[in-house]
Amino acid sequence: MSGFLRVPPEQMHHEAAQLHGIAQDLKDIHRRAHGQVSELLSGFGETESASFLRTRLGQWEDETRSHHEHLTTHADNRSRIANMFVATDDLGATGFGGAARQGDA
């Protein structure tokens, strides 16, 4: 490893924002699709296919919630790491300035 940061923190924050947007889009689109399928199911009555689709809707809800959580967690981690890089860089810059001043005394 070279010791150089290859991804600027600004890019990481931008990517985190994009991931949050994708997670929200996933949630919104699924909510609309779920509503549309639920409306359609009202005409199916108590048939076997209606029961199957209701079960699948529940599974899709769980899967969507899981995917949303993974995307959001990844985005939050990306922002957190970018903030750590900036804080570490700021600390390093402050440390160098302090060392130079102490050496001048």
PDB file of N, CA and C in Angstrom:
ATOM      1  N   MET A   1       0.855  -1.176   0.000  1.00  0.00           N
ATOM      2  CA  MET A   1       0.000   0.000   0.000  1.00  0.00           C
ATOM      3  C   MET A   1       0.897   1.234   0.000  1.00  0.00           C
ATOM      4  N   SER A   2       0.534   2.224  -0.758  1.00  0.00           N
ATOM      5  CA  SER A   2       1.397   3.384  -0.961  1.00  0.00           C
ATOM      6  C   SER A   2       1.311   4.424   0.154  1.00  0.00           C
ATOM      7  N   GLY A   3       0.272   4.407   0.952  1.00  0.00           N
ATOM      8  CA  GLY A   3       0.132   5.404   2.002  1.00  0.00           C
ATOM      9  C   GLY A   3      -0.600   6.662   1.572  1.00  0.00           C
ATOM     10  N   PHE A   4      -1.022   6.727   0.318  1.00  0.00           N
ATOM     11  CA  PHE A   4      -1.749   7.888  -0.184  1.00  0.00           C
ATOM     12  C   PHE A   4      -3.227   7.557  -0.301  1.00  0.00           C
ATOM     13  N   LEU A   5      -4.050   8.519   0.044  1.00  0.00           N
ATOM     14  CA  LEU A   5      -5.494   8.365  -0.089  1.00  0.00           C
ATOM     15  C   LEU A   5      -5.856   8.497  -1.559  1.00  0.00           C
ATOM     16  N   ARG A   6      -6.425   7.459  -2.119  1.00  0.00           N
ATOM     17  CA  ARG A   6      -6.727   7.439  -3.547  1.00  0.00           C
ATOM     18  C   ARG A   6      -8.118   7.991  -3.871  1.00  0.00           C
ATOM     19  N   VAL A   7      -8.980   8.065  -2.876  1.00  0.00           N
ATOM     20  CA  VAL A   7     -10.340   8.574  -3.090  1.00  0.00           C
ATOM     21  C   VAL A   7     -10.517   9.818  -2.225  1.00  0.00           C
ATOM     22  N   PRO A   8     -10.711  10.966  -2.850  1.00  0.00           N
ATOM     23  CA  PRO A   8     -10.885  12.194  -2.060  1.00  0.00           C
ATOM     24  C   PRO A   8     -12.151  12.118  -1.191  1.00  0.00           C
ATOM     25  N   PRO A   9     -12.114  12.662   0.020  1.00  0.00           N
ATOM     26  CA  PRO A   9     -13.291  12.651   0.892  1.00  0.00           C
ATOM     27  C   PRO A   9     -14.526  13.276   0.241  1.00  0.00           C
ATOM     28  N   GLU A  10     -14.327  14.310  -0.585  1.00  0.00           N
ATOM     29  CA  GLU A  10     -15.472  14.935  -1.260  1.00  0.00           C
ATOM     30  C   GLU A  10     -16.181  13.927  -2.159  1.00  0.00           C
ATOM     31  N   GLN A  11     -15.403  13.104  -2.835  1.00  0.00           N
ATOM     32  CA  GLN A  11     -15.987  12.072  -3.698  1.00  0.00           C
ATOM     33  C   GLN A  11     -16.736  11.044  -2.854  1.00  0.00           C
ATOM     34  N   MET A  12     -16.169  10.694  -1.712  1.00  0.00           N
ATOM     35  CA  MET A  12     -16.830   9.729  -0.834  1.00  0.00           C
ATOM     36  C   MET A  12     -18.159  10.279  -0.319  1.00  0.00           C
ATOM     37  N   HIS A  13     -18.196  11.565   0.030  1.00  0.00           N
ATOM     38  CA  HIS A  13     -19.453  12.182   0.473  1.00  0.00           C
ATOM     39  C   HIS A  13     -20.473  12.201  -0.669  1.00  0.00           C
ATOM     40  N   HIS A  14     -20.010  12.500  -1.863  1.00  0.00           N
ATOM     41  CA  HIS A  14     -20.896  12.518  -3.032  1.00  0.00           C
ATOM     42  C   HIS A  14     -21.469  11.117  -3.274  1.00  0.00           C
ATOM     43  N   GLU A  15     -20.625  10.104  -3.208  1.00  0.00           N
ATOM     44  CA  GLU A  15     -21.088   8.726  -3.403  1.00  0.00           C
ATOM     45  C   GLU A  15     -22.052   8.308  -2.301  1.00  0.00           C
ATOM     46  N   ALA A  16     -21.792   8.744  -1.084  1.00  0.00           N
ATOM     47  CA  ALA A  16     -22.705   8.433   0.021  1.00  0.00           C
ATOM     48  C   ALA A  16     -24.081   9.045  -0.228  1.00  0.00           C
ATOM     49  N   ALA A  17     -24.093  10.280  -0.708  1.00  0.00           N
ATOM     50  CA  ALA A  17     -25.370  10.934  -1.019  1.00  0.00           C
ATOM     51  C   ALA A  17     -26.101  10.185  -2.129  1.00  0.00           C
ATOM     52  N   GLN A  18     -25.356   9.727  -3.122  1.00  0.00           N
ATOM     53  CA  GLN A  18     -25.975   8.956  -4.200  1.00  0.00           C
ATOM     54  C   GLN A  18     -26.558   7.652  -3.666  1.00  0.00           C
ATOM     55  N   LEU A  19     -25.823   6.969  -2.797  1.00  0.00           N
ATOM     56  CA  LEU A  19     -26.329   5.723  -2.216  1.00  0.00           C
ATOM     57  C   LEU A  19     -27.598   5.968  -1.404  1.00  0.00           C
ATOM     58  N   HIS A  20     -27.637   7.064  -0.650  1.00  0.00           N
ATOM     59  CA  HIS A  20     -28.853   7.399   0.102  1.00  0.00           C
ATOM     60  C   HIS A  20     -30.022   7.635  -0.861  1.00  0.00           C
ATOM     61  N   GLY A  21     -29.758   8.314  -1.971  1.00  0.00           N
ATOM     62  CA  GLY A  21     -30.802   8.551  -2.970  1.00  0.00           C
ATOM     63  C   GLY A  21     -31.308   7.259  -3.582  1.00  0.00           C
ATOM     64  N   ILE A  22     -30.389   6.361  -3.897  1.00  0.00           N
ATOM     65  CA  ILE A  22     -30.769   5.065  -4.468  1.00  0.00           C
ATOM     66  C   ILE A  22     -31.598   4.273  -3.460  1.00  0.00           C
ATOM     67  N   ALA A  23     -31.190   4.288  -2.206  1.00  0.00           N
ATOM     68  CA  ALA A  23     -31.935   3.574  -1.163  1.00  0.00           C
ATOM     69  C   ALA A  23     -33.353   4.124  -1.041  1.00  0.00           C
ATOM     70  N   GLN A  24     -33.485   5.447  -1.091  1.00  0.00           N
ATOM     71  CA  GLN A  24     -34.814   6.060  -0.992  1.00  0.00           C
ATOM     72  C   GLN A  24     -35.656   5.740  -2.225  1.00  0.00           C
ATOM     73  N   ASP A  25     -35.039   5.781  -3.406  1.00  0.00           N
ATOM     74  CA  ASP A  25     -35.758   5.421  -4.638  1.00  0.00           C
ATOM     75  C   ASP A  25     -36.268   3.988  -4.560  1.00  0.00           C
ATOM     76  N   LEU A  26     -35.412   3.083  -4.100  1.00  0.00           N
ATOM     77  CA  LEU A  26     -35.801   1.682  -3.961  1.00  0.00           C
ATOM     78  C   LEU A  26     -37.027   1.555  -3.063  1.00  0.00           C
ATOM     79  N   LYS A  27     -36.982   2.239  -1.945  1.00  0.00           N
ATOM     80  CA  LYS A  27     -38.088   2.186  -0.982  1.00  0.00           C
ATOM     81  C   LYS A  27     -39.372   2.771  -1.577  1.00  0.00           C
ATOM     82  N   ASP A  28     -39.259   3.925  -2.240  1.00  0.00           N
ATOM     83  CA  ASP A  28     -40.433   4.591  -2.817  1.00  0.00           C
ATOM     84  C   ASP A  28     -41.053   3.777  -3.947  1.00  0.00           C
ATOM     85  N   ILE A  29     -40.202   3.271  -4.836  1.00  0.00           N
ATOM     86  CA  ILE A  29     -40.704   2.486  -5.970  1.00  0.00           C
ATOM     87  C   ILE A  29     -41.365   1.212  -5.471  1.00  0.00           C
ATOM     88  N   HIS A  30     -40.761   0.571  -4.477  1.00  0.00           N
ATOM     89  CA  HIS A  30     -41.363  -0.647  -3.939  1.00  0.00           C
ATOM     90  C   HIS A  30     -42.704  -0.344  -3.288  1.00  0.00           C
ATOM     91  N   ARG A  31     -42.783   0.765  -2.572  1.00  0.00           N
ATOM     92  CA  ARG A  31     -44.041   1.136  -1.912  1.00  0.00           C
ATOM     93  C   ARG A  31     -45.156   1.305  -2.948  1.00  0.00           C
ATOM     94  N   ARG A  32     -44.819   1.974  -4.062  1.00  0.00           N
ATOM     95  CA  ARG A  32     -45.828   2.161  -5.125  1.00  0.00           C
ATOM     96  C   ARG A  32     -46.233   0.814  -5.729  1.00  0.00           C
ATOM     97  N   ALA A  33     -45.255  -0.029  -6.025  1.00  0.00           N
ATOM     98  CA  ALA A  33     -45.557  -1.338  -6.613  1.00  0.00           C
ATOM     99  C   ALA A  33     -46.379  -2.184  -5.645  1.00  0.00           C
ATOM    100  N   HIS A  34     -46.026  -2.134  -4.371  1.00  0.00           N
ATOM    101  CA  HIS A  34     -46.767  -2.887  -3.363  1.00  0.00           C
ATOM    102  C   HIS A  34     -48.228  -2.434  -3.336  1.00  0.00           C
ATOM    103  N   GLY A  35     -48.428  -1.127  -3.371  1.00  0.00           N
ATOM    104  CA  GLY A  35     -49.793  -0.593  -3.381  1.00  0.00           C
ATOM    105  C   GLY A  35     -50.572  -1.027  -4.609  1.00  0.00           C
ATOM    106  N   GLN A  36     -49.917  -1.012  -5.766  1.00  0.00           N
ATOM    107  CA  GLN A  36     -50.585  -1.419  -7.004  1.00  0.00           C
ATOM    108  C   GLN A  36     -50.957  -2.898  -6.979  1.00  0.00           C
ATOM    109  N   VAL A  37     -50.049  -3.739  -6.504  1.00  0.00           N
ATOM    110  CA  VAL A  37     -50.349  -5.173  -6.428  1.00  0.00           C
ATOM    111  C   VAL A  37     -51.445  -5.417  -5.401  1.00  0.00           C
ATOM    112  N   SER A  38     -51.413  -4.711  -4.288  1.00  0.00           N
ATOM    113  CA  SER A  38     -52.453  -4.867  -3.264  1.00  0.00           C
ATOM    114  C   SER A  38     -53.827  -4.503  -3.816  1.00  0.00           C
ATOM    115  N   GLU A  39     -53.888  -3.415  -4.593  1.00  0.00           N
ATOM    116  CA  GLU A  39     -55.160  -3.032  -5.221  1.00  0.00           C
ATOM    117  C   GLU A  39     -55.643  -4.119  -6.171  1.00  0.00           C
ATOM    118  N   LEU A  40     -54.738  -4.644  -6.949  1.00  0.00           N
ATOM    119  CA  LEU A  40     -55.082  -5.700  -7.901  1.00  0.00           C
ATOM    120  C   LEU A  40     -55.576  -6.946  -7.174  1.00  0.00           C
ATOM    121  N   LEU A  41     -54.962  -7.251  -6.044  1.00  0.00           N
ATOM    122  CA  LEU A  41     -55.333  -8.447  -5.282  1.00  0.00           C
ATOM    123  C   LEU A  41     -56.753  -8.391  -4.743  1.00  0.00           C
ATOM    124  N   SER A  42     -57.283  -7.208  -4.546  1.00  0.00           N
ATOM    125  CA  SER A  42     -58.649  -7.110  -4.024  1.00  0.00           C
ATOM    126  C   SER A  42     -59.648  -7.778  -4.964  1.00  0.00           C
ATOM    127  N   GLY A  43     -59.315  -7.854  -6.234  1.00  0.00           N
ATOM    128  CA  GLY A  43     -60.198  -8.517  -7.192  1.00  0.00           C
ATOM    129  C   GLY A  43     -59.975 -10.015  -7.299  1.00  0.00           C
ATOM    130  N   PHE A  44     -58.957 -10.538  -6.657  1.00  0.00           N
ATOM    131  CA  PHE A  44     -58.641 -11.967  -6.737  1.00  0.00           C
ATOM    132  C   PHE A  44     -59.486 -12.808  -5.786  1.00  0.00           C
ATOM    133  N   GLY A  45     -60.078 -12.153  -4.786  1.00  0.00           N
ATOM    134  CA  GLY A  45     -60.852 -12.899  -3.805  1.00  0.00           C
ATOM    135  C   GLY A  45     -59.943 -13.750  -2.935  1.00  0.00           C
ATOM    136  N   GLU A  46     -60.475 -14.868  -2.480  1.00  0.00           N
ATOM    137  CA  GLU A  46     -59.709 -15.771  -1.601  1.00  0.00           C
ATOM    138  C   GLU A  46     -59.180 -16.968  -2.382  1.00  0.00           C
ATOM    139  N   THR A  47     -58.587 -16.703  -3.506  1.00  0.00           N
ATOM    140  CA  THR A  47     -58.054 -17.779  -4.340  1.00  0.00           C
ATOM    141  C   THR A  47     -56.649 -18.162  -3.889  1.00  0.00           C
ATOM    142  N   GLU A  48     -56.193 -19.288  -4.409  1.00  0.00           N
ATOM    143  CA  GLU A  48     -54.841 -19.755  -4.099  1.00  0.00           C
ATOM    144  C   GLU A  48     -53.789 -18.777  -4.624  1.00  0.00           C
ATOM    145  N   SER A  49     -54.041 -18.231  -5.802  1.00  0.00           N
ATOM    146  CA  SER A  49     -53.072 -17.282  -6.367  1.00  0.00           C
ATOM    147  C   SER A  49     -53.018 -15.997  -5.539  1.00  0.00           C
ATOM    148  N   ALA A  50     -54.146 -15.564  -4.998  1.00  0.00           N
ATOM    149  CA  ALA A  50     -54.161 -14.376  -4.141  1.00  0.00           C
ATOM    150  C   ALA A  50     -53.355 -14.633  -2.875  1.00  0.00           C
ATOM    151  N   SER A  51     -53.532 -15.804  -2.302  1.00  0.00           N
ATOM    152  CA  SER A  51     -52.784 -16.163  -1.099  1.00  0.00           C
ATOM    153  C   SER A  51     -51.283 -16.190  -1.382  1.00  0.00           C
ATOM    154  N   PHE A  52     -50.912 -16.761  -2.523  1.00  0.00           N
ATOM    155  CA  PHE A  52     -49.501 -16.819  -2.913  1.00  0.00           C
ATOM    156  C   PHE A  52     -48.930 -15.410  -3.071  1.00  0.00           C
ATOM    157  N   LEU A  53     -49.657 -14.549  -3.775  1.00  0.00           N
ATOM    158  CA  LEU A  53     -49.169 -13.189  -4.000  1.00  0.00           C
ATOM    159  C   LEU A  53     -49.071 -12.388  -2.702  1.00  0.00           C
ATOM    160  N   ARG A  54     -50.010 -12.599  -1.785  1.00  0.00           N
ATOM    161  CA  ARG A  54     -49.932 -11.910  -0.493  1.00  0.00           C
ATOM    162  C   ARG A  54     -48.672 -12.341   0.273  1.00  0.00           C
ATOM    163  N   THR A  55     -48.382 -13.634   0.218  1.00  0.00           N
ATOM    164  CA  THR A  55     -47.166 -14.142   0.858  1.00  0.00           C
ATOM    165  C   THR A  55     -45.929 -13.531   0.219  1.00  0.00           C
ATOM    166  N   ARG A  56     -45.919 -13.478  -1.115  1.00  0.00           N
ATOM    167  CA  ARG A  56     -44.771 -12.897  -1.828  1.00  0.00           C
ATOM    168  C   ARG A  56     -44.616 -11.412  -1.507  1.00  0.00           C
ATOM    169  N   LEU A  57     -45.710 -10.695  -1.380  1.00  0.00           N
ATOM    170  CA  LEU A  57     -45.634  -9.275  -1.018  1.00  0.00           C
ATOM    171  C   LEU A  57     -44.920  -9.095   0.321  1.00  0.00           C
ATOM    172  N   GLY A  58     -45.242  -9.953   1.267  1.00  0.00           N
ATOM    173  CA  GLY A  58     -44.576  -9.897   2.566  1.00  0.00           C
ATOM    174  C   GLY A  58     -43.086 -10.163   2.444  1.00  0.00           C
ATOM    175  N   GLN A  59     -42.727 -11.144   1.616  1.00  0.00           N
ATOM    176  CA  GLN A  59     -41.308 -11.448   1.394  1.00  0.00           C
ATOM    177  C   GLN A  59     -40.606 -10.276   0.717  1.00  0.00           C
ATOM    178  N   TRP A  60     -41.255  -9.678  -0.256  1.00  0.00           N
ATOM    179  CA  TRP A  60     -40.660  -8.537  -0.965  1.00  0.00           C
ATOM    180  C   TRP A  60     -40.456  -7.354  -0.018  1.00  0.00           C
ATOM    181  N   GLU A  61     -41.399  -7.180   0.895  1.00  0.00           N
ATOM    182  CA  GLU A  61     -41.258  -6.112   1.895  1.00  0.00           C
ATOM    183  C   GLU A  61     -39.990  -6.329   2.719  1.00  0.00           C
ATOM    184  N   ASP A  62     -39.817  -7.562   3.190  1.00  0.00           N
ATOM    185  CA  ASP A  62     -38.629  -7.881   3.992  1.00  0.00           C
ATOM    186  C   ASP A  62     -37.346  -7.681   3.187  1.00  0.00           C
ATOM    187  N   GLU A  63     -37.343  -8.132   1.940  1.00  0.00           N
ATOM    188  CA  GLU A  63     -36.159  -7.993   1.088  1.00  0.00           C
ATOM    189  C   GLU A  63     -35.849  -6.520   0.818  1.00  0.00           C
ATOM    190  N   THR A  64     -36.876  -5.745   0.533  1.00  0.00           N
ATOM    191  CA  THR A  64     -36.675  -4.322   0.260  1.00  0.00           C
ATOM    192  C   THR A  64     -36.140  -3.611   1.494  1.00  0.00           C
ATOM    193  N   ARG A  65     -36.700  -3.926   2.647  1.00  0.00           N
ATOM    194  CA  ARG A  65     -36.232  -3.329   3.902  1.00  0.00           C
ATOM    195  C   ARG A  65     -34.748  -3.666   4.119  1.00  0.00           C
ATOM    196  N   SER A  66     -34.381  -4.914   3.849  1.00  0.00           N
ATOM    197  CA  SER A  66     -32.993  -5.342   4.010  1.00  0.00           C
ATOM    198  C   SER A  66     -32.062  -4.620   3.034  1.00  0.00           C
ATOM    199  N   HIS A  67     -32.470  -4.536   1.763  1.00  0.00           N
ATOM    200  CA  HIS A  67     -31.645  -3.842   0.760  1.00  0.00           C
ATOM    201  C   HIS A  67     -31.505  -2.359   1.110  1.00  0.00           C
ATOM    202  N   HIS A  68     -32.594  -1.752   1.536  1.00  0.00           N
ATOM    203  CA  HIS A  68     -32.562  -0.338   1.922  1.00  0.00           C
ATOM    204  C   HIS A  68     -31.594  -0.143   3.088  1.00  0.00           C
ATOM    205  N   GLU A  69     -31.674  -1.021   4.063  1.00  0.00           N
ATOM    206  CA  GLU A  69     -30.791  -0.932   5.228  1.00  0.00           C
ATOM    207  C   GLU A  69     -29.321  -1.093   4.824  1.00  0.00           C
ATOM    208  N   HIS A  70     -29.038  -2.053   3.944  1.00  0.00           N
ATOM    209  CA  HIS A  70     -27.653  -2.259   3.500  1.00  0.00           C
ATOM    210  C   HIS A  70     -27.118  -1.030   2.762  1.00  0.00           C
ATOM    211  N   LEU A  71     -27.913  -0.485   1.864  1.00  0.00           N
ATOM    212  CA  LEU A  71     -27.479   0.697   1.114  1.00  0.00           C
ATOM    213  C   LEU A  71     -27.257   1.890   2.040  1.00  0.00           C
ATOM    214  N   THR A  72     -28.175   2.087   2.963  1.00  0.00           N
ATOM    215  CA  THR A  72     -28.076   3.207   3.895  1.00  0.00           C
ATOM    216  C   THR A  72     -26.867   3.051   4.814  1.00  0.00           C
ATOM    217  N   THR A  73     -26.652   1.844   5.305  1.00  0.00           N
ATOM    218  CA  THR A  73     -25.493   1.586   6.164  1.00  0.00           C
ATOM    219  C   THR A  73     -24.196   1.833   5.406  1.00  0.00           C
ATOM    220  N   HIS A  74     -24.135   1.362   4.171  1.00  0.00           N
ATOM    221  CA  HIS A  74     -22.935   1.568   3.360  1.00  0.00           C
ATOM    222  C   HIS A  74     -22.700   3.065   3.136  1.00  0.00           C
ATOM    223  N   ALA A  75     -23.757   3.793   2.853  1.00  0.00           N
ATOM    224  CA  ALA A  75     -23.637   5.243   2.648  1.00  0.00           C
ATOM    225  C   ALA A  75     -23.163   5.935   3.926  1.00  0.00           C
ATOM    226  N   ASP A  76     -23.749   5.572   5.056  1.00  0.00           N
ATOM    227  CA  ASP A  76     -23.352   6.178   6.332  1.00  0.00           C
ATOM    228  C   ASP A  76     -21.890   5.878   6.657  1.00  0.00           C
ATOM    229  N   ASN A  77     -21.475   4.642   6.395  1.00  0.00           N
ATOM    230  CA  ASN A  77     -20.079   4.274   6.636  1.00  0.00           C
ATOM    231  C   ASN A  77     -19.137   5.062   5.736  1.00  0.00           C
ATOM    232  N   ARG A  78     -19.540   5.251   4.504  1.00  0.00           N
ATOM    233  CA  ARG A  78     -18.701   6.000   3.558  1.00  0.00           C
ATOM    234  C   ARG A  78     -18.520   7.444   4.040  1.00  0.00           C
ATOM    235  N   SER A  79     -19.592   8.065   4.495  1.00  0.00           N
ATOM    236  CA  SER A  79     -19.508   9.432   5.031  1.00  0.00           C
ATOM    237  C   SER A  79     -18.654   9.478   6.293  1.00  0.00           C
ATOM    238  N   ARG A  80     -18.860   8.508   7.164  1.00  0.00           N
ATOM    239  CA  ARG A  80     -18.102   8.462   8.420  1.00  0.00           C
ATOM    240  C   ARG A  80     -16.604   8.328   8.137  1.00  0.00           C
ATOM    241  N   ILE A  81     -16.240   7.460   7.219  1.00  0.00           N
ATOM    242  CA  ILE A  81     -14.829   7.265   6.887  1.00  0.00           C
ATOM    243  C   ILE A  81     -14.250   8.525   6.247  1.00  0.00           C
ATOM    244  N   ALA A  82     -15.007   9.158   5.374  1.00  0.00           N
ATOM    245  CA  ALA A  82     -14.539  10.411   4.761  1.00  0.00           C
ATOM    246  C   ALA A  82     -14.287  11.461   5.842  1.00  0.00           C
ATOM    247  N   ASN A  83     -15.196  11.554   6.811  1.00  0.00           N
ATOM    248  CA  ASN A  83     -15.017  12.506   7.912  1.00  0.00           C
ATOM    249  C   ASN A  83     -13.778  12.170   8.744  1.00  0.00           C
ATOM    250  N   MET A  84     -13.529  10.873   8.940  1.00  0.00           N
ATOM    251  CA  MET A  84     -12.336  10.461   9.682  1.00  0.00           C
ATOM    252  C   MET A  84     -11.065  10.848   8.927  1.00  0.00           C
ATOM    253  N   PHE A  85     -11.069  10.674   7.609  1.00  0.00           N
ATOM    254  CA  PHE A  85      -9.905  11.061   6.807  1.00  0.00           C
ATOM    255  C   PHE A  85      -9.624  12.555   6.950  1.00  0.00           C
ATOM    256  N   VAL A  86     -10.681  13.353   6.862  1.00  0.00           N
ATOM    257  CA  VAL A  86     -10.522  14.809   6.974  1.00  0.00           C
ATOM    258  C   VAL A  86     -10.014  15.175   8.366  1.00  0.00           C
ATOM    259  N   ALA A  87     -10.599  14.572   9.403  1.00  0.00           N
ATOM    260  CA  ALA A  87     -10.178  14.873  10.777  1.00  0.00           C
ATOM    261  C   ALA A  87      -8.724  14.464  11.004  1.00  0.00           C
ATOM    262  N   THR A  88      -8.343  13.310  10.485  1.00  0.00           N
ATOM    263  CA  THR A  88      -6.961  12.851  10.623  1.00  0.00           C
ATOM    264  C   THR A  88      -6.012  13.770   9.879  1.00  0.00           C
ATOM    265  N   ASP A  89      -6.407  14.187   8.692  1.00  0.00           N
ATOM    266  CA  ASP A  89      -5.581  15.102   7.909  1.00  0.00           C
ATOM    267  C   ASP A  89      -5.432  16.440   8.631  1.00  0.00           C
ATOM    268  N   ASP A  90      -6.548  16.943   9.187  1.00  0.00           N
ATOM    269  CA  ASP A  90      -6.500  18.203   9.937  1.00  0.00           C
ATOM    270  C   ASP A  90      -5.603  18.071  11.167  1.00  0.00           C
ATOM    271  N   LEU A  91      -5.710  16.937  11.849  1.00  0.00           N
ATOM    272  CA  LEU A  91      -4.887  16.692  13.032  1.00  0.00           C
ATOM    273  C   LEU A  91      -3.411  16.648  12.646  1.00  0.00           C
ATOM    274  N   GLY A  92      -3.117  15.991  11.524  1.00  0.00           N
ATOM    275  CA  GLY A  92      -1.741  15.922  11.046  1.00  0.00           C
ATOM    276  C   GLY A  92      -1.203  17.291  10.691  1.00  0.00           C
ATOM    277  N   ALA A  93      -2.018  18.095  10.045  1.00  0.00           N
ATOM    278  CA  ALA A  93      -1.587  19.440   9.663  1.00  0.00           C
ATOM    279  C   ALA A  93      -1.347  20.293  10.900  1.00  0.00           C
ATOM    280  N   THR A  94      -2.202  20.165  11.900  1.00  0.00           N
ATOM    281  CA  THR A  94      -2.039  20.905  13.148  1.00  0.00           C
ATOM    282  C   THR A  94      -0.787  20.434  13.880  1.00  0.00           C
ATOM    283  N   GLY A  95      -0.564  19.128  13.877  1.00  0.00           N
ATOM    284  CA  GLY A  95       0.607  18.560  14.543  1.00  0.00           C
ATOM    285  C   GLY A  95       1.900  19.052  13.935  1.00  0.00           C
ATOM    286  N   PHE A  96       1.941  19.150  12.615  1.00  0.00           N
ATOM    287  CA  PHE A  96       3.152  19.631  11.954  1.00  0.00           C
ATOM    288  C   PHE A  96       3.406  21.089  12.302  1.00  0.00           C
ATOM    289  N   GLY A  97       2.347  21.874  12.328  1.00  0.00           N
ATOM    290  CA  GLY A  97       2.496  23.291  12.666  1.00  0.00           C
ATOM    291  C   GLY A  97       2.992  23.463  14.091  1.00  0.00           C
ATOM    292  N   GLY A  98       2.438  22.638  14.996  1.00  0.00           N
ATOM    293  CA  GLY A  98       2.858  22.710  16.392  1.00  0.00           C
ATOM    294  C   GLY A  98       4.307  22.291  16.561  1.00  0.00           C
ATOM    295  N   ALA A  99       4.731  21.265  15.839  1.00  0.00           N
ATOM    296  CA  ALA A  99       6.114  20.791  15.942  1.00  0.00           C
ATOM    297  C   ALA A  99       7.079  21.848  15.430  1.00  0.00           C
ATOM    298  N   ALA A 100       6.692  22.538  14.361  1.00  0.00           N
ATOM    299  CA  ALA A 100       7.570  23.566  13.802  1.00  0.00           C
ATOM    300  C   ALA A 100       7.716  24.726  14.780  1.00  0.00           C
ATOM    301  N   ARG A 101       6.628  25.097  15.424  1.00  0.00           N
ATOM    302  CA  ARG A 101       6.687  26.213  16.372  1.00  0.00           C
ATOM    303  C   ARG A 101       7.527  25.840  17.593  1.00  0.00           C
ATOM    304  N   GLN A 102       7.394  24.606  18.055  1.00  0.00           N
ATOM    305  CA  GLN A 102       8.174  24.184  19.214  1.00  0.00           C
ATOM    306  C   GLN A 102       9.667  24.162  18.879  1.00  0.00           C
ATOM    307  N   GLY A 103       9.996  23.740  17.671  1.00  0.00           N
ATOM    308  CA  GLY A 103      11.392  23.680  17.259  1.00  0.00           C
ATOM    309  C   GLY A 103      12.004  25.059  17.091  1.00  0.00           C
ATOM    310  N   ASP A 104      11.157  26.045  16.807  1.00  0.00           N
ATOM    311  CA  ASP A 104      11.653  27.411  16.612  1.00  0.00           C
ATOM    312  C   ASP A 104      11.988  28.082  17.940  1.00  0.00           C
ATOM    313  N   ALA A 105      11.438  27.571  19.026  1.00  0.00           N
ATOM    314  CA  ALA A 105      11.592  28.240  20.327  1.00  0.00           C
ATOM    315  C   ALA A 105      12.977  28.124  20.889  1.00  0.00           C
TER     316      ALA A 105
END
